[in-house]
């Protein structure tokens, strides 16, 4: 099978312009070492709110950051909603194998997000309050570096599957493993 060649930065920008984004407000950086194509969309790009789907399609192979908080939030929400079925499908087999689908905690059953996070920790095999923190509408995984053994890795893999599933069913808006809270207005 022949792999498709990803679009160039110029092709991505052209597609964004076709979506109604003003070219003058687009800044492109190429980092071939780590990230690839990075697109910063400034306020002067005048992104049409009704064209988020088009922009997402045009930029799906690039890291995209928006200066305008409303556009950033709309883009992030659109991308997250499109990823939910894949997150659920990816996590479900592992959780089913471990018997963790039945009785899976649902956000609506808890008084607040913090109580829900604690329930997810327990469901994933961790003591409540030991690994997760609520961060906006998402969750922050703390103490990630303390997991070094194969057993630790298995336990953390289960916890990540629990979080992916919770995000996939719409009870969370993402997770962050690196120690920085997932902002409600992150770029992607």
Protein backbone atom coordinates (compact mmCIF):
# COMPACT_ATOMS: atom_id res chain seq x y z
CA UNK A 1 0.00 0.00 0.00
CA UNK A 2 1.26 3.46 -0.85
CA UNK A 3 0.97 6.02 1.94
CA UNK A 4 -0.68 9.30 1.02
CA UNK A 5 1.64 12.27 1.04
CA UNK A 6 0.49 14.85 3.60
CA UNK A 7 -0.35 18.26 2.22
CA UNK A 8 2.31 20.95 2.27
CA UNK A 9 1.94 24.04 4.42
CA UNK A 10 1.11 26.03 1.28
CA UNK A 11 -1.69 23.60 0.41
CA UNK A 12 -3.10 23.81 3.93
CA UNK A 13 -3.05 27.61 3.86
CA UNK A 14 -4.75 27.63 0.44
CA UNK A 15 -7.50 25.36 1.78
CA UNK A 16 -7.95 27.67 4.77
CA UNK A 17 -8.28 30.66 2.45
CA UNK A 18 -10.91 28.71 0.51
CA UNK A 19 -12.72 28.29 3.86
CA UNK A 20 -12.90 32.07 4.20
CA UNK A 21 -9.85 32.73 6.39
CA UNK A 22 -7.91 35.90 5.50
CA UNK A 23 -4.38 34.85 4.42
CA UNK A 24 -2.84 37.90 6.11
CA UNK A 25 -3.75 36.46 9.51
CA UNK A 26 -2.12 33.05 9.02
CA UNK A 27 1.42 32.40 10.25
CA UNK A 28 3.03 29.07 9.33
CA UNK A 29 6.04 27.44 10.95
CA UNK A 30 7.46 24.08 9.95
CA UNK A 31 9.18 22.00 12.63
CA UNK A 32 10.32 18.86 10.82
CA UNK A 33 11.94 17.49 13.98
CA UNK A 34 8.94 17.16 16.28
CA UNK A 35 5.61 18.74 15.44
CA UNK A 36 5.52 19.21 11.70
CA UNK A 37 3.40 22.08 10.40
CA UNK A 38 2.33 24.64 12.99
CA UNK A 39 -0.32 27.18 12.01
CA UNK A 40 -1.05 30.23 14.11
CA UNK A 41 -4.26 31.99 13.17
CA UNK A 42 -4.31 35.60 14.33
CA UNK A 43 -7.40 37.66 15.00
CA UNK A 44 -6.93 39.57 11.75
CA UNK A 45 -7.60 36.32 9.87
CA UNK A 46 -11.29 36.99 10.54
CA UNK A 47 -12.24 33.34 10.81
CA UNK A 48 -15.90 32.81 9.89
CA UNK A 49 -17.54 30.99 12.82
CA UNK A 50 -19.70 28.94 10.47
CA UNK A 51 -16.61 27.57 8.67
CA UNK A 52 -15.01 25.67 11.58
CA UNK A 53 -15.72 22.29 9.94
CA UNK A 54 -14.05 23.43 6.72
CA UNK A 55 -11.04 24.78 8.62
CA UNK A 56 -10.74 21.57 10.63
CA UNK A 57 -10.75 19.51 7.44
CA UNK A 58 -8.11 21.78 5.90
CA UNK A 59 -5.81 21.68 8.92
CA UNK A 60 -6.18 18.11 10.15
CA UNK A 61 -2.49 17.31 9.52
CA UNK A 62 -1.19 20.42 11.29
CA UNK A 63 -1.04 21.80 14.82
CA UNK A 64 -3.35 24.83 14.84
CA UNK A 65 -3.51 27.67 17.36
CA UNK A 66 -6.02 30.53 17.34
CA UNK A 67 -5.58 33.97 18.95
CA UNK A 68 -9.33 34.53 19.12
CA UNK A 69 -10.68 32.66 22.18
CA UNK A 70 -14.13 32.16 20.67
CA UNK A 71 -12.70 30.61 17.51
CA UNK A 72 -10.20 28.56 19.53
CA UNK A 73 -13.03 27.18 21.68
CA UNK A 74 -15.25 26.45 18.67
CA UNK A 75 -12.42 24.67 16.85
CA UNK A 76 -11.45 22.67 19.92
CA UNK A 77 -15.07 21.68 20.58
CA UNK A 78 -15.56 20.61 16.96
CA UNK A 79 -12.33 18.54 16.96
CA UNK A 80 -13.18 16.95 20.30
CA UNK A 81 -16.72 16.05 19.26
CA UNK A 82 -15.40 14.44 16.08
CA UNK A 83 -12.87 12.40 18.08
CA UNK A 84 -15.29 11.05 20.71
CA UNK A 85 -16.41 7.93 18.79
CA UNK A 86 -12.79 6.94 18.09
CA UNK A 87 -11.81 7.47 21.74
CA UNK A 88 -14.66 5.28 22.91
CA UNK A 89 -13.96 2.59 20.33
CA UNK A 90 -10.28 2.56 21.25
CA UNK A 91 -10.85 2.24 25.00
CA UNK A 92 -13.84 -0.10 25.00
CA UNK A 93 -12.10 -3.42 24.22
CA UNK A 94 -9.56 -3.02 27.02
CA UNK A 95 -12.20 -1.97 29.54
CA UNK A 96 -14.51 -4.80 28.47
CA UNK A 97 -11.67 -7.31 28.86
CA UNK A 98 -11.11 -6.04 32.39
CA UNK A 99 -14.83 -6.00 33.22
CA UNK A 100 -14.87 -2.23 33.59
CA UNK A 101 -17.66 -1.31 31.15
CA UNK A 102 -20.47 -2.50 33.38
CA UNK A 103 -20.86 -0.08 36.24
CA UNK A 104 -18.76 2.58 34.52
CA UNK A 105 -19.21 5.84 36.44
CA UNK A 106 -21.30 8.47 34.65
CA UNK A 107 -20.79 12.17 35.28
CA UNK A 108 -24.50 12.79 35.82
CA UNK A 109 -24.46 10.56 38.92
CA UNK A 110 -22.06 12.85 40.80
CA UNK A 111 -22.63 16.20 42.49
CA UNK A 112 -19.58 17.79 40.90
CA UNK A 113 -16.63 17.13 38.63
CA UNK A 114 -14.24 16.46 41.49
CA UNK A 115 -16.44 13.67 42.85
CA UNK A 116 -16.63 12.20 39.35
CA UNK A 117 -12.84 12.30 38.97
CA UNK A 118 -12.48 10.43 42.27
CA UNK A 119 -14.94 7.79 41.07
CA UNK A 120 -12.95 7.35 37.86
CA UNK A 121 -9.75 6.91 39.87
CA UNK A 122 -11.36 4.14 41.93
CA UNK A 123 -12.81 2.55 38.79
CA UNK A 124 -9.34 2.56 37.21
CA UNK A 125 -7.77 0.89 40.24
CA UNK A 126 -6.26 3.90 41.99
CA UNK A 127 -7.07 5.31 45.42
CA UNK A 128 -9.32 8.37 45.15
CA UNK A 129 -7.26 11.55 45.05
CA UNK A 130 -4.00 9.84 44.12
CA UNK A 131 -3.54 10.48 40.40
CA UNK A 132 -6.16 12.79 38.86
CA UNK A 133 -7.20 16.41 39.25
CA UNK A 134 -10.08 18.22 37.65
CA UNK A 135 -8.91 20.86 35.18
CA UNK A 136 -11.77 22.82 33.69
CA UNK A 137 -13.93 20.32 31.83
CA UNK A 138 -11.01 17.93 31.48
CA UNK A 139 -8.69 16.02 33.74
CA UNK A 140 -5.02 16.34 34.62
CA UNK A 141 -2.97 13.21 35.32
CA UNK A 142 -0.52 13.93 38.14
CA UNK A 143 2.42 11.94 39.42
CA UNK A 144 2.87 10.33 36.00
CA UNK A 145 6.64 10.07 36.46
CA UNK A 146 6.35 7.86 39.54
CA UNK A 147 5.18 4.95 37.38
CA UNK A 148 8.25 3.00 36.35
CA UNK A 149 7.57 -0.74 36.60
CA UNK A 150 5.64 -2.92 34.11
CA UNK A 151 2.84 -3.27 36.68
CA UNK A 152 2.71 0.53 37.02
CA UNK A 153 2.51 0.80 33.25
CA UNK A 154 -0.42 -1.64 33.11
CA UNK A 155 -2.26 0.24 35.83
CA UNK A 156 -1.67 3.57 34.10
CA UNK A 157 -2.75 2.11 30.75
CA UNK A 158 -6.03 1.10 32.38
CA UNK A 159 -6.47 4.59 33.83
CA UNK A 160 -5.85 6.17 30.44
CA UNK A 161 -8.44 3.83 28.90
CA UNK A 162 -10.92 4.88 31.60
CA UNK A 163 -10.30 8.55 30.78
CA UNK A 164 -10.54 7.94 27.04
CA UNK A 165 -13.83 6.15 27.53
CA UNK A 166 -15.19 8.92 29.79
CA UNK A 167 -14.22 11.45 27.12
CA UNK A 168 -15.63 9.24 24.36
CA UNK A 169 -19.04 9.01 26.02
CA UNK A 170 -19.11 12.77 26.53
CA UNK A 171 -18.51 12.92 30.29
CA UNK A 172 -15.16 14.70 29.95
CA UNK A 173 -13.50 17.07 27.55
CA UNK A 174 -10.07 15.50 27.45
CA UNK A 175 -7.04 14.70 29.52
CA UNK A 176 -3.51 15.91 29.86
CA UNK A 177 -0.65 13.61 30.80
CA UNK A 178 2.11 16.18 30.80
CA UNK A 179 1.33 18.08 33.95
CA UNK A 180 -0.31 21.17 32.41
CA UNK A 181 -4.05 21.58 32.79
CA UNK A 182 -6.04 21.13 29.55
CA UNK A 183 -7.36 24.63 29.09
CA UNK A 184 -10.91 24.98 27.90
CA UNK A 185 -9.46 26.98 25.05
CA UNK A 186 -6.47 24.93 23.99
CA UNK A 187 -5.53 25.13 20.32
CA UNK A 188 -6.70 21.75 19.22
